[in-house]
Amino acid sequence: MFQIYFGAFDFVLYLAGIYAAMTLAKAICDQMDAADAAQAVDQNDQVAEQAAVQAPETVRTMAPMQPIPAHLSAPVPKQREEVGVKVSVNG
């Protein structure tokens, strides 16, 4: 009887752990979405303010992100120098 009770208790703990992990992940994602939305609203407000200050024909837009070229390269292998080895046996 104890094994059945303990097994059911483990099952409940596993479910509670999964539920807690999912709830935490959803809270983090919701917070990130809210931050992205707030940033987008701020950018839209800045663009609107700039458009109001400037002439109506010259509205600035942000340029798309450009890829950064790789500045790292693999080292060039050195040419091997031939080395002569003499072996002598004294005996």
Protein backbone atom coordinates (compact mmCIF):
# COMPACT_ATOMS: atom_id res chain seq x y z
CA MET A 1 0.00 0.00 0.00
CA PHE A 2 2.87 2.35 0.81
CA GLN A 3 4.36 1.86 -2.67
CA ILE A 4 1.12 2.85 -4.37
CA TYR A 5 0.77 5.92 -2.16
CA PHE A 6 4.40 6.95 -2.69
CA GLY A 7 4.12 6.37 -6.46
CA ALA A 8 1.02 8.56 -6.64
CA PHE A 9 2.80 11.23 -4.59
CA ASP A 10 5.75 11.15 -7.01
CA PHE A 11 3.37 11.48 -9.94
CA VAL A 12 1.73 14.52 -8.35
CA LEU A 13 5.15 16.08 -7.68
CA TYR A 14 6.21 15.52 -11.30
CA LEU A 15 3.03 17.13 -12.58
CA ALA A 16 3.47 20.07 -10.21
CA GLY A 17 7.06 20.54 -11.36
CA ILE A 18 6.07 20.48 -15.03
CA TYR A 19 3.25 22.95 -14.36
CA ALA A 20 5.59 25.28 -12.46
CA ALA A 21 8.17 25.16 -15.26
CA MET A 22 5.55 25.92 -17.91
CA THR A 23 4.12 28.78 -15.85
CA LEU A 24 7.56 30.29 -15.34
CA ALA A 25 8.40 29.98 -19.04
CA LYS A 26 5.10 31.64 -20.01
CA ALA A 27 5.73 34.50 -17.56
CA ILE A 28 9.20 35.08 -18.98
CA CYS A 29 7.89 35.01 -22.57
CA ASP A 30 5.04 37.39 -21.72
CA GLN A 31 7.47 39.79 -20.08
CA MET A 32 9.74 39.70 -23.14
CA ASP A 33 6.76 40.29 -25.46
CA ALA A 34 5.66 43.25 -23.34
CA ALA A 35 9.17 44.72 -23.48
CA ASP A 36 9.26 44.31 -27.28
CA ALA A 37 5.85 45.96 -27.63
CA ALA A 38 6.90 48.87 -25.40
CA GLN A 39 10.08 49.31 -27.44
CA ALA A 40 8.09 49.30 -30.70
CA VAL A 41 5.70 51.93 -29.31
CA ASP A 42 8.65 54.08 -28.23
CA GLN A 43 10.21 53.81 -31.70
CA ASN A 44 6.91 54.71 -33.35
CA ASP A 45 6.57 57.73 -31.05
CA GLN A 46 10.11 58.85 -31.91
CA VAL A 47 9.45 58.50 -35.65
CA ALA A 48 6.20 60.46 -35.29
CA GLU A 49 7.99 63.23 -33.37
CA GLN A 50 10.71 63.41 -36.02
CA ALA A 51 8.10 63.53 -38.77
CA ALA A 52 6.30 66.39 -37.01
CA VAL A 53 9.53 68.38 -36.69
CA GLN A 54 10.76 67.72 -40.22
CA ALA A 55 9.07 68.46 -43.49
CA PRO A 56 6.30 65.97 -44.31
CA GLU A 57 8.23 64.60 -47.31
CA THR A 58 11.35 63.62 -45.35
CA VAL A 59 10.32 60.92 -42.91
CA ARG A 60 13.27 58.89 -41.68
CA THR A 61 13.10 55.13 -41.48
CA MET A 62 15.56 52.77 -39.89
CA ALA A 63 17.87 50.87 -42.19
CA PRO A 64 17.70 47.07 -42.05
CA MET A 65 20.44 45.26 -40.17
CA GLN A 66 23.43 44.47 -42.34
CA PRO A 67 25.41 41.26 -41.80
CA ILE A 68 28.85 41.78 -40.32
CA PRO A 69 31.61 40.13 -42.38
CA ALA A 70 33.69 37.58 -40.55
CA HIS A 71 37.05 39.02 -39.54
CA LEU A 72 38.45 35.79 -38.18
CA SER A 73 40.42 33.47 -40.42
CA ALA A 74 42.22 30.19 -39.94
CA PRO A 75 46.00 30.36 -39.49
CA VAL A 76 48.11 29.48 -42.50
CA PRO A 77 50.11 26.29 -41.93
CA LYS A 78 53.89 26.76 -41.91
CA GLN A 79 56.06 24.93 -44.39
CA ARG A 80 57.99 22.11 -42.78
CA GLU A 81 61.73 22.37 -42.84
CA GLU A 82 63.66 19.21 -43.51
CA VAL A 83 65.80 18.20 -40.59
CA GLY A 84 68.67 15.72 -40.83
CA VAL A 85 69.27 13.42 -37.87
CA LYS A 86 72.45 11.42 -37.36
CA VAL A 87 72.40 8.35 -35.19
CA SER A 88 75.65 6.79 -34.13
CA VAL A 89 76.25 3.76 -31.98
CA ASN A 90 79.44 3.63 -29.91
CA GLY A 91 80.19 0.26 -28.71
